[in-house]
């Protein structure tokens, strides 16, 4: 009888093994999907930040002559002003 119980436990193990493999694969796919979504969100944030910097630079470029005339600063100081604004 011991042999039959050992054989039965082996057959049960071999039957559950594919299910475990499927469950493991499912967890890996879910983790990969979560990582992919996280990467997409990061890419979106970086794209928005880049577009914001480009937009700010364009606005500053249009406003720079008025700022220069209003405050009476020269072109070199205006260039430093643009650079310092971009860095902050």
PDB file of N, CA and C in Angstrom:
ATOM      1  N   UNK A   1       0.797  -1.189   0.000  1.00  0.00           N
ATOM      2  CA  UNK A   1       0.000   0.000   0.000  1.00  0.00           C
ATOM      3  C   UNK A   1       0.844   1.259   0.000  1.00  0.00           C
ATOM      4  N   UNK A   2       2.006   1.173   0.531  1.00  0.00           N
ATOM      5  CA  UNK A   2       2.848   2.354   0.550  1.00  0.00           C
ATOM      6  C   UNK A   2       3.213   2.791  -0.858  1.00  0.00           C
ATOM      7  N   UNK A   3       3.421   1.844  -1.719  1.00  0.00           N
ATOM      8  CA  UNK A   3       3.773   2.196  -3.090  1.00  0.00           C
ATOM      9  C   UNK A   3       2.617   2.911  -3.784  1.00  0.00           C
ATOM     10  N   UNK A   4       1.404   2.460  -3.537  1.00  0.00           N
ATOM     11  CA  UNK A   4       0.267   3.109  -4.184  1.00  0.00           C
ATOM     12  C   UNK A   4       0.073   4.536  -3.665  1.00  0.00           C
ATOM     13  N   UNK A   5       0.312   4.766  -2.367  1.00  0.00           N
ATOM     14  CA  UNK A   5       0.164   6.126  -1.857  1.00  0.00           C
ATOM     15  C   UNK A   5       1.264   7.037  -2.387  1.00  0.00           C
ATOM     16  N   UNK A   6       2.487   6.494  -2.541  1.00  0.00           N
ATOM     17  CA  UNK A   6       3.568   7.285  -3.122  1.00  0.00           C
ATOM     18  C   UNK A   6       3.258   7.591  -4.571  1.00  0.00           C
ATOM     19  N   UNK A   7       2.782   6.598  -5.279  1.00  0.00           N
ATOM     20  CA  UNK A   7       2.415   6.815  -6.677  1.00  0.00           C
ATOM     21  C   UNK A   7       1.287   7.809  -6.809  1.00  0.00           C
ATOM     22  N   UNK A   8       0.340   7.753  -5.885  1.00  0.00           N
ATOM     23  CA  UNK A   8      -0.785   8.687  -5.921  1.00  0.00           C
ATOM     24  C   UNK A   8      -0.317  10.106  -5.634  1.00  0.00           C
ATOM     25  N   UNK A   9       0.604  10.254  -4.678  1.00  0.00           N
ATOM     26  CA  UNK A   9       1.084  11.602  -4.384  1.00  0.00           C
ATOM     27  C   UNK A   9       1.895  12.155  -5.543  1.00  0.00           C
ATOM     28  N   UNK A  10       2.629  11.311  -6.210  1.00  0.00           N
ATOM     29  CA  UNK A  10       3.370  11.777  -7.389  1.00  0.00           C
ATOM     30  C   UNK A  10       2.420  12.185  -8.502  1.00  0.00           C
ATOM     31  N   UNK A  11       1.373  11.408  -8.708  1.00  0.00           N
ATOM     32  CA  UNK A  11       0.441  11.762  -9.773  1.00  0.00           C
ATOM     33  C   UNK A  11      -0.296  13.056  -9.426  1.00  0.00           C
ATOM     34  N   UNK A  12      -0.624  13.257  -8.141  1.00  0.00           N
ATOM     35  CA  UNK A  12      -1.257  14.517  -7.751  1.00  0.00           C
ATOM     36  C   UNK A  12      -0.307  15.689  -7.974  1.00  0.00           C
ATOM     37  N   UNK A  13       0.956  15.496  -7.648  1.00  0.00           N
ATOM     38  CA  UNK A  13       1.940  16.553  -7.857  1.00  0.00           C
ATOM     39  C   UNK A  13       2.067  16.875  -9.339  1.00  0.00           C
ATOM     40  N   UNK A  14       2.112  15.859 -10.157  1.00  0.00           N
ATOM     41  CA  UNK A  14       2.268  16.109 -11.587  1.00  0.00           C
ATOM     42  C   UNK A  14       1.018  16.756 -12.178  1.00  0.00           C
ATOM     43  N   UNK A  15      -0.150  16.511 -11.563  1.00  0.00           N
ATOM     44  CA  UNK A  15      -1.360  17.162 -12.057  1.00  0.00           C
ATOM     45  C   UNK A  15      -1.420  18.627 -11.634  1.00  0.00           C
ATOM     46  N   UNK A  16      -0.914  18.936 -10.456  1.00  0.00           N
ATOM     47  CA  UNK A  16      -0.974  20.325 -10.000  1.00  0.00           C
ATOM     48  C   UNK A  16       0.167  21.164 -10.555  1.00  0.00           C
ATOM     49  N   UNK A  17       1.201  20.516 -11.016  1.00  0.00           N
ATOM     50  CA  UNK A  17       2.351  21.268 -11.517  1.00  0.00           C
ATOM     51  C   UNK A  17       1.988  22.172 -12.697  1.00  0.00           C
ATOM     52  N   UNK A  18       1.234  21.717 -13.694  1.00  0.00           N
ATOM     53  CA  UNK A  18       0.867  22.641 -14.786  1.00  0.00           C
ATOM     54  C   UNK A  18       0.049  23.832 -14.297  1.00  0.00           C
ATOM     55  N   UNK A  19      -0.827  23.599 -13.316  1.00  0.00           N
ATOM     56  CA  UNK A  19      -1.616  24.706 -12.785  1.00  0.00           C
ATOM     57  C   UNK A  19      -0.726  25.723 -12.084  1.00  0.00           C
ATOM     58  N   UNK A  20       0.259  25.234 -11.369  1.00  0.00           N
ATOM     59  CA  UNK A  20       1.203  26.135 -10.716  1.00  0.00           C
ATOM     60  C   UNK A  20       1.992  26.927 -11.751  1.00  0.00           C
ATOM     61  N   UNK A  21       2.368  26.259 -12.831  1.00  0.00           N
ATOM     62  CA  UNK A  21       3.112  26.950 -13.890  1.00  0.00           C
ATOM     63  C   UNK A  21       2.256  28.040 -14.527  1.00  0.00           C
ATOM     64  N   UNK A  22       0.985  27.736 -14.742  1.00  0.00           N
ATOM     65  CA  UNK A  22       0.078  28.733 -15.320  1.00  0.00           C
ATOM     66  C   UNK A  22      -0.101  29.901 -14.355  1.00  0.00           C
ATOM     67  N   UNK A  23      -0.254  29.611 -13.073  1.00  0.00           N
ATOM     68  CA  UNK A  23      -0.403  30.680 -12.082  1.00  0.00           C
ATOM     69  C   UNK A  23       0.858  31.530 -12.019  1.00  0.00           C
ATOM     70  N   UNK A  24       2.012  30.892 -12.076  1.00  0.00           N
ATOM     71  CA  UNK A  24       3.281  31.628 -12.050  1.00  0.00           C
ATOM     72  C   UNK A  24       3.397  32.516 -13.284  1.00  0.00           C
ATOM     73  N   UNK A  25       3.049  31.965 -14.438  1.00  0.00           N
ATOM     74  CA  UNK A  25       3.114  32.737 -15.680  1.00  0.00           C
ATOM     75  C   UNK A  25       2.143  33.912 -15.629  1.00  0.00           C
ATOM     76  N   UNK A  26       0.975  33.687 -15.062  1.00  0.00           N
ATOM     77  CA  UNK A  26      -0.007  34.762 -14.939  1.00  0.00           C
ATOM     78  C   UNK A  26       0.521  35.887 -14.055  1.00  0.00           C
ATOM     79  N   UNK A  27       1.175  35.528 -12.934  1.00  0.00           N
ATOM     80  CA  UNK A  27       1.751  36.556 -12.061  1.00  0.00           C
ATOM     81  C   UNK A  27       2.850  37.326 -12.779  1.00  0.00           C
ATOM     82  N   UNK A  28       3.656  36.634 -13.576  1.00  0.00           N
ATOM     83  CA  UNK A  28       4.722  37.312 -14.319  1.00  0.00           C
ATOM     84  C   UNK A  28       4.150  38.274 -15.350  1.00  0.00           C
ATOM     85  N   UNK A  29       3.088  37.861 -16.015  1.00  0.00           N
ATOM     86  CA  UNK A  29       2.460  38.729 -17.017  1.00  0.00           C
ATOM     87  C   UNK A  29       1.861  39.963 -16.342  1.00  0.00           C
ATOM     88  N   UNK A  30       1.229  39.774 -15.182  1.00  0.00           N
ATOM     89  CA  UNK A  30       0.659  40.912 -14.465  1.00  0.00           C
ATOM     90  C   UNK A  30       1.746  41.874 -14.006  1.00  0.00           C
ATOM     91  N   UNK A  31       2.866  41.334 -13.534  1.00  0.00           N
ATOM     92  CA  UNK A  31       3.979  42.193 -13.105  1.00  0.00           C
ATOM     93  C   UNK A  31       4.552  42.950 -14.290  1.00  0.00           C
ATOM     94  N   UNK A  32       4.649  42.274 -15.429  1.00  0.00           N
ATOM     95  CA  UNK A  32       5.167  42.924 -16.631  1.00  0.00           C
ATOM     96  C   UNK A  32       4.224  44.037 -17.089  1.00  0.00           C
ATOM     97  N   UNK A  33       2.922  43.788 -17.013  1.00  0.00           N
ATOM     98  CA  UNK A  33       1.948  44.810 -17.405  1.00  0.00           C
ATOM     99  C   UNK A  33       2.023  46.013 -16.470  1.00  0.00           C
ATOM    100  N   UNK A  34       2.196  45.767 -15.179  1.00  0.00           N
ATOM    101  CA  UNK A  34       2.313  46.874 -14.222  1.00  0.00           C
ATOM    102  C   UNK A  34       3.572  47.680 -14.490  1.00  0.00           C
ATOM    103  N   UNK A  35       4.665  46.992 -14.814  1.00  0.00           N
ATOM    104  CA  UNK A  35       5.911  47.687 -15.136  1.00  0.00           C
ATOM    105  C   UNK A  35       5.748  48.500 -16.410  1.00  0.00           C
ATOM    106  N   UNK A  36       5.065  47.936 -17.394  1.00  0.00           N
ATOM    107  CA  UNK A  36       4.845  48.640 -18.652  1.00  0.00           C
ATOM    108  C   UNK A  36       3.999  49.895 -18.429  1.00  0.00           C
ATOM    109  N   UNK A  37       2.970  49.779 -17.597  1.00  0.00           N
ATOM    110  CA  UNK A  37       2.129  50.937 -17.306  1.00  0.00           C
ATOM    111  C   UNK A  37       2.926  51.999 -16.557  1.00  0.00           C
ATOM    112  N   UNK A  38       3.778  51.578 -15.652  1.00  0.00           N
ATOM    113  CA  UNK A  38       4.619  52.522 -14.915  1.00  0.00           C
ATOM    114  C   UNK A  38       5.570  53.244 -15.864  1.00  0.00           C
ATOM    115  N   UNK A  39       6.142  52.505 -16.814  1.00  0.00           N
ATOM    116  CA  UNK A  39       7.036  53.120 -17.796  1.00  0.00           C
ATOM    117  C   UNK A  39       6.282  54.109 -18.678  1.00  0.00           C
ATOM    118  N   UNK A  40       5.055  53.781 -19.045  1.00  0.00           N
ATOM    119  CA  UNK A  40       4.265  54.692 -19.864  1.00  0.00           C
ATOM    120  C   UNK A  40       3.945  55.971 -19.098  1.00  0.00           C
ATOM    121  N   UNK A  41       3.638  55.850 -17.821  1.00  0.00           N
ATOM    122  CA  UNK A  41       3.351  57.031 -17.013  1.00  0.00           C
ATOM    123  C   UNK A  41       4.589  57.908 -16.878  1.00  0.00           C
ATOM    124  N   UNK A  42       5.734  57.287 -16.682  1.00  0.00           N
ATOM    125  CA  UNK A  42       6.982  58.043 -16.581  1.00  0.00           C
ATOM    126  C   UNK A  42       7.270  58.771 -17.889  1.00  0.00           C
ATOM    127  N   UNK A  43       7.068  58.095 -19.009  1.00  0.00           N
ATOM    128  CA  UNK A  43       7.284  58.720 -20.311  1.00  0.00           C
ATOM    129  C   UNK A  43       6.341  59.901 -20.505  1.00  0.00           C
ATOM    130  N   UNK A  44       5.096  59.748 -20.091  1.00  0.00           N
ATOM    131  CA  UNK A  44       4.126  60.834 -20.208  1.00  0.00           C
ATOM    132  C   UNK A  44       4.562  62.051 -19.388  1.00  0.00           C
ATOM    133  N   UNK A  45       4.998  61.819 -18.169  1.00  0.00           N
ATOM    134  CA  UNK A  45       5.437  62.925 -17.305  1.00  0.00           C
ATOM    135  C   UNK A  45       6.643  63.631 -17.916  1.00  0.00           C
ATOM    136  N   UNK A  46       7.590  62.866 -18.438  1.00  0.00           N
ATOM    137  CA  UNK A  46       8.778  63.473 -19.052  1.00  0.00           C
ATOM    138  C   UNK A  46       8.420  64.274 -20.298  1.00  0.00           C
ATOM    139  N   UNK A  47       7.476  63.768 -21.088  1.00  0.00           N
ATOM    140  CA  UNK A  47       7.062  64.499 -22.287  1.00  0.00           C
ATOM    141  C   UNK A  47       6.374  65.810 -21.919  1.00  0.00           C
ATOM    142  N   UNK A  48       5.515  65.777 -20.914  1.00  0.00           N
ATOM    143  CA  UNK A  48       4.828  66.999 -20.482  1.00  0.00           C
ATOM    144  C   UNK A  48       5.838  68.005 -19.935  1.00  0.00           C
ATOM    145  N   UNK A  49       6.807  67.530 -19.166  1.00  0.00           N
ATOM    146  CA  UNK A  49       7.832  68.429 -18.622  1.00  0.00           C
ATOM    147  C   UNK A  49       8.653  69.060 -19.746  1.00  0.00           C
ATOM    148  N   UNK A  50       8.998  68.273 -20.755  1.00  0.00           N
ATOM    149  CA  UNK A  50       9.766  68.811 -21.885  1.00  0.00           C
ATOM    150  C   UNK A  50       8.958  69.853 -22.655  1.00  0.00           C
ATOM    151  N   UNK A  51       7.694  69.554 -22.888  1.00  0.00           N
ATOM    152  CA  UNK A  51       6.855  70.509 -23.610  1.00  0.00           C
ATOM    153  C   UNK A  51       6.660  71.790 -22.796  1.00  0.00           C
ATOM    154  N   UNK A  52       6.581  71.667 -21.482  1.00  0.00           N
ATOM    155  CA  UNK A  52       6.442  72.845 -20.629  1.00  0.00           C
ATOM    156  C   UNK A  52       7.676  73.729 -20.731  1.00  0.00           C
ATOM    157  N   UNK A  53       8.847  73.121 -20.728  1.00  0.00           N
ATOM    158  CA  UNK A  53      10.085  73.900 -20.855  1.00  0.00           C
ATOM    159  C   UNK A  53      10.154  74.600 -22.217  1.00  0.00           C
ATOM    160  N   UNK A  54       9.757  73.907 -23.267  1.00  0.00           N
ATOM    161  CA  UNK A  54       9.757  74.522 -24.602  1.00  0.00           C
ATOM    162  C   UNK A  54       8.764  75.688 -24.639  1.00  0.00           C
ATOM    163  N   UNK A  55       7.586  75.477 -24.081  1.00  0.00           N
ATOM    164  CA  UNK A  55       6.577  76.537 -24.045  1.00  0.00           C
ATOM    165  C   UNK A  55       7.067  77.739 -23.239  1.00  0.00           C
ATOM    166  N   UNK A  56       7.651  77.476 -22.074  1.00  0.00           N
ATOM    167  CA  UNK A  56       8.175  78.577 -21.250  1.00  0.00           C
ATOM    168  C   UNK A  56       9.271  79.346 -21.978  1.00  0.00           C
ATOM    169  N   UNK A  57      10.133  78.632 -22.685  1.00  0.00           N
ATOM    170  CA  UNK A  57      11.186  79.299 -23.452  1.00  0.00           C
ATOM    171  C   UNK A  57      10.616  80.171 -24.554  1.00  0.00           C
ATOM    172  N   UNK A  58       9.569  79.700 -25.207  1.00  0.00           N
ATOM    173  CA  UNK A  58       8.936  80.490 -26.267  1.00  0.00           C
ATOM    174  C   UNK A  58       8.278  81.746 -25.701  1.00  0.00           C
ATOM    175  N   UNK A  59       7.585  81.591 -24.600  1.00  0.00           N
ATOM    176  CA  UNK A  59       6.928  82.742 -23.973  1.00  0.00           C
ATOM    177  C   UNK A  59       7.970  83.752 -23.518  1.00  0.00           C
ATOM    178  N   UNK A  60       9.039  83.266 -22.931  1.00  0.00           N
ATOM    179  CA  UNK A  60      10.095  84.156 -22.450  1.00  0.00           C
ATOM    180  C   UNK A  60      10.746  84.884 -23.625  1.00  0.00           C
ATOM    181  N   UNK A  61      10.938  84.174 -24.734  1.00  0.00           N
ATOM    182  CA  UNK A  61      11.540  84.803 -25.911  1.00  0.00           C
ATOM    183  C   UNK A  61      10.685  85.918 -26.474  1.00  0.00           C
ATOM    184  N   UNK A  62       9.385  85.747 -26.446  1.00  0.00           N
ATOM    185  CA  UNK A  62       8.476  86.787 -26.929  1.00  0.00           C
ATOM    186  C   UNK A  62       8.453  87.971 -25.961  1.00  0.00           C
ATOM    187  N   UNK A  63       8.508  87.699 -24.671  1.00  0.00           N
ATOM    188  CA  UNK A  63       8.417  88.760 -23.667  1.00  0.00           C
ATOM    189  C   UNK A  63       9.750  89.447 -23.399  1.00  0.00           C
ATOM    190  N   UNK A  64      10.846  88.874 -23.855  1.00  0.00           N
ATOM    191  CA  UNK A  64      12.173  89.399 -23.516  1.00  0.00           C
ATOM    192  C   UNK A  64      12.404  90.839 -23.970  1.00  0.00           C
ATOM    193  N   UNK A  65      12.039  91.232 -25.188  1.00  0.00           N
ATOM    194  CA  UNK A  65      12.257  92.642 -25.562  1.00  0.00           C
ATOM    195  C   UNK A  65      11.508  93.624 -24.652  1.00  0.00           C
ATOM    196  N   UNK A  66      10.309  93.289 -24.261  1.00  0.00           N
ATOM    197  CA  UNK A  66       9.547  94.158 -23.363  1.00  0.00           C
ATOM    198  C   UNK A  66      10.198  94.218 -21.987  1.00  0.00           C
ATOM    199  N   UNK A  67      10.650  93.075 -21.501  1.00  0.00           N
ATOM    200  CA  UNK A  67      11.334  93.039 -20.198  1.00  0.00           C
ATOM    201  C   UNK A  67      12.608  93.871 -20.254  1.00  0.00           C
ATOM    202  N   UNK A  68      13.352  93.738 -21.354  1.00  0.00           N
ATOM    203  CA  UNK A  68      14.610  94.483 -21.508  1.00  0.00           C
ATOM    204  C   UNK A  68      14.348  95.985 -21.530  1.00  0.00           C
ATOM    205  N   UNK A  69      13.319  96.396 -22.263  1.00  0.00           N
ATOM    206  CA  UNK A  69      13.005  97.831 -22.343  1.00  0.00           C
ATOM    207  C   UNK A  69      12.447  98.365 -21.020  1.00  0.00           C
ATOM    208  N   UNK A  70      11.622  97.591 -20.369  1.00  0.00           N
ATOM    209  CA  UNK A  70      10.995  98.038 -19.119  1.00  0.00           C
ATOM    210  C   UNK A  70      12.016  98.229 -18.011  1.00  0.00           C
ATOM    211  N   UNK A  71      12.918  97.266 -17.870  1.00  0.00           N
ATOM    212  CA  UNK A  71      13.883  97.318 -16.764  1.00  0.00           C
ATOM    213  C   UNK A  71      15.237  97.895 -17.172  1.00  0.00           C
ATOM    214  N   UNK A  72      15.408  98.220 -18.442  1.00  0.00           N
ATOM    215  CA  UNK A  72      16.637  98.850 -18.917  1.00  0.00           C
ATOM    216  C   UNK A  72      17.874  97.964 -18.771  1.00  0.00           C
ATOM    217  N   UNK A  73      17.751  96.701 -19.091  1.00  0.00           N
ATOM    218  CA  UNK A  73      18.901  95.791 -18.987  1.00  0.00           C
ATOM    219  C   UNK A  73      19.465  95.523 -20.375  1.00  0.00           C
ATOM    220  N   UNK A  74      20.742  95.168 -20.425  1.00  0.00           N
ATOM    221  CA  UNK A  74      21.363  94.885 -21.723  1.00  0.00           C
ATOM    222  C   UNK A  74      21.108  93.426 -22.128  1.00  0.00           C
ATOM    223  N   UNK A  75      21.556  93.067 -23.324  1.00  0.00           N
ATOM    224  CA  UNK A  75      21.298  91.730 -23.869  1.00  0.00           C
ATOM    225  C   UNK A  75      21.981  90.629 -23.065  1.00  0.00           C
ATOM    226  N   UNK A  76      23.183  90.905 -22.552  1.00  0.00           N
ATOM    227  CA  UNK A  76      23.892  89.887 -21.763  1.00  0.00           C
ATOM    228  C   UNK A  76      23.128  89.555 -20.483  1.00  0.00           C
ATOM    229  N   UNK A  77      22.640  90.575 -19.819  1.00  0.00           N
ATOM    230  CA  UNK A  77      21.863  90.352 -18.598  1.00  0.00           C
ATOM    231  C   UNK A  77      20.564  89.620 -18.918  1.00  0.00           C
ATOM    232  N   UNK A  78      19.962  89.965 -20.050  1.00  0.00           N
ATOM    233  CA  UNK A  78      18.735  89.283 -20.462  1.00  0.00           C
ATOM    234  C   UNK A  78      19.005  87.803 -20.736  1.00  0.00           C
ATOM    235  N   UNK A  79      20.158  87.502 -21.329  1.00  0.00           N
ATOM    236  CA  UNK A  79      20.520  86.102 -21.576  1.00  0.00           C
ATOM    237  C   UNK A  79      20.692  85.349 -20.260  1.00  0.00           C
ATOM    238  N   UNK A  80      21.319  86.001 -19.284  1.00  0.00           N
ATOM    239  CA  UNK A  80      21.466  85.379 -17.966  1.00  0.00           C
ATOM    240  C   UNK A  80      20.107  85.201 -17.302  1.00  0.00           C
ATOM    241  N   UNK A  81      19.223  86.124 -17.513  1.00  0.00           N
ATOM    242  CA  UNK A  81      17.884  86.029 -16.953  1.00  0.00           C
ATOM    243  C   UNK A  81      17.143  84.813 -17.515  1.00  0.00           C
ATOM    244  N   UNK A  82      17.246  84.610 -18.820  1.00  0.00           N
ATOM    245  CA  UNK A  82      16.612  83.450 -19.461  1.00  0.00           C
ATOM    246  C   UNK A  82      17.222  82.157 -18.933  1.00  0.00           C
ATOM    247  N   UNK A  83      18.550  82.125 -18.826  1.00  0.00           N
ATOM    248  CA  UNK A  83      19.226  80.920 -18.344  1.00  0.00           C
ATOM    249  C   UNK A  83      18.843  80.606 -16.908  1.00  0.00           C
ATOM    250  N   UNK A  84      18.832  81.618 -16.062  1.00  0.00           N
ATOM    251  CA  UNK A  84      18.487  81.375 -14.651  1.00  0.00           C
ATOM    252  C   UNK A  84      17.034  80.939 -14.507  1.00  0.00           C
ATOM    253  N   UNK A  85      16.152  81.474 -15.329  1.00  0.00           N
ATOM    254  CA  UNK A  85      14.757  81.054 -15.280  1.00  0.00           C
ATOM    255  C   UNK A  85      14.618  79.601 -15.726  1.00  0.00           C
ATOM    256  N   UNK A  86      15.359  79.213 -16.741  1.00  0.00           N
ATOM    257  CA  UNK A  86      15.289  77.837 -17.238  1.00  0.00           C
ATOM    258  C   UNK A  86      15.817  76.834 -16.225  1.00  0.00           C
ATOM    259  N   UNK A  87      16.791  77.237 -15.428  1.00  0.00           N
ATOM    260  CA  UNK A  87      17.381  76.327 -14.446  1.00  0.00           C
ATOM    261  C   UNK A  87      16.505  76.139 -13.214  1.00  0.00           C
ATOM    262  N   UNK A  88      15.608  77.077 -12.966  1.00  0.00           N
ATOM    263  CA  UNK A  88      14.792  76.955 -11.745  1.00  0.00           C
ATOM    264  C   UNK A  88      13.461  76.339 -11.987  1.00  0.00           C
TER     265      UNK A  88
END
